[in-house]
Amino acid sequence: MDQTLLIVLQYYGAGAATIAALVVSLNLGRRITGWAFVLFVTSSIALIGWGFLDKDSEGIGWQNIALLGINAVGVWRYLISKHDVRD
């Protein structure tokens, strides 16, 4: 496996998740929080790729399959659904 791809997936996933977590913690409103969940989704996809392409990182891949589902719920609640988000 190309090491450059693995490094890009690993560090993009970590960086994107960190930025998304910061944005969610700032509670800047429904729409911005929804876009933070989109960023979480891209992070999960990158970390799933890294997890299953790197033979020693499969656990991260499985964890991010679960997180991808959770993050998709966040996208649904904050960007797609018309129901009010509970405070």
Protein backbone atom coordinates (compact mmCIF):
# COMPACT_ATOMS: atom_id res chain seq x y z
CA MET A 1 0.00 0.00 0.00
CA ASP A 2 1.21 3.50 -0.83
CA GLN A 3 2.43 5.05 2.44
CA THR A 4 1.64 8.57 1.26
CA LEU A 5 -2.05 7.71 0.85
CA LEU A 6 -2.14 6.13 4.31
CA ILE A 7 -0.52 9.20 5.88
CA VAL A 8 -2.94 11.56 4.11
CA LEU A 9 -5.98 9.51 5.19
CA GLN A 10 -4.74 9.22 8.77
CA TYR A 11 -3.91 12.89 9.28
CA TYR A 12 -6.88 14.26 7.33
CA GLY A 13 -9.19 12.07 9.42
CA ALA A 14 -7.63 13.19 12.69
CA GLY A 15 -7.49 16.87 11.73
CA ALA A 16 -11.01 17.00 10.32
CA ALA A 17 -12.44 15.31 13.42
CA THR A 18 -10.63 17.76 15.68
CA ILE A 19 -11.93 20.80 13.79
CA ALA A 20 -15.46 19.35 13.68
CA ALA A 21 -15.40 18.67 17.42
CA LEU A 22 -14.28 22.25 18.08
CA VAL A 23 -17.09 23.66 15.91
CA VAL A 24 -19.71 21.47 17.62
CA SER A 25 -18.40 22.51 21.06
CA LEU A 26 -18.75 26.19 20.16
CA ASN A 27 -22.50 25.73 19.55
CA LEU A 28 -22.58 28.30 16.75
CA GLY A 29 -26.06 27.40 15.55
CA ARG A 30 -27.91 24.63 13.82
CA ARG A 31 -26.57 25.11 10.29
CA ILE A 32 -22.91 25.47 11.28
CA THR A 33 -23.19 22.47 13.59
CA GLY A 34 -24.72 20.51 10.71
CA TRP A 35 -21.74 21.34 8.51
CA ALA A 36 -19.44 20.23 11.33
CA PHE A 37 -21.19 16.86 11.15
CA VAL A 38 -20.52 16.79 7.40
CA LEU A 39 -16.85 17.30 8.26
CA PHE A 40 -17.13 14.44 10.78
CA VAL A 41 -18.54 12.25 7.98
CA THR A 42 -15.54 12.98 5.76
CA SER A 43 -13.24 12.25 8.69
CA SER A 44 -14.93 8.90 9.29
CA ILE A 45 -14.64 7.97 5.62
CA ALA A 46 -10.93 8.81 5.62
CA LEU A 47 -10.32 6.84 8.82
CA ILE A 48 -12.29 3.85 7.52
CA GLY A 49 -10.05 3.86 4.45
CA TRP A 50 -6.90 4.17 6.54
CA GLY A 51 -8.11 1.54 8.99
CA PHE A 52 -8.72 -1.13 6.39
CA LEU A 53 -5.82 -0.27 4.08
CA ASP A 54 -3.24 -0.36 6.89
CA LYS A 55 -2.97 -3.89 8.25
CA ASP A 56 -2.36 -2.68 11.81
CA SER A 57 -5.26 -0.21 12.01
CA GLU A 58 -8.38 -2.31 11.45
CA GLY A 59 -9.84 -1.30 14.83
CA ILE A 60 -9.94 2.34 13.75
CA GLY A 61 -11.76 1.25 10.60
CA TRP A 62 -14.45 -0.58 12.56
CA GLN A 63 -14.79 2.25 15.08
CA ASN A 64 -15.31 4.74 12.26
CA ILE A 65 -17.97 2.61 10.61
CA ALA A 66 -19.97 3.13 13.81
CA LEU A 67 -19.03 6.82 13.97
CA LEU A 68 -20.07 7.28 10.34
CA GLY A 69 -23.58 6.18 11.29
CA ILE A 70 -23.64 8.51 14.30
CA ASN A 71 -22.34 11.42 12.23
CA ALA A 72 -24.93 10.75 9.53
CA VAL A 73 -27.61 11.13 12.23
CA GLY A 74 -26.06 14.51 13.08
CA VAL A 75 -26.21 15.59 9.43
CA TRP A 76 -29.85 14.47 9.28
CA ARG A 77 -30.84 16.26 12.50
CA TYR A 78 -29.04 19.54 11.86
CA LEU A 79 -29.16 19.98 8.06
CA ILE A 80 -31.95 17.87 6.60
CA SER A 81 -34.71 17.39 9.19
CA LYS A 82 -37.16 20.24 9.68
CA HIS A 83 -37.82 19.33 13.33
CA ASP A 84 -36.43 21.54 16.04
CA VAL A 85 -33.24 20.32 17.66
CA ARG A 86 -33.63 20.05 21.42
CA ASP A 87 -31.42 22.37 23.48
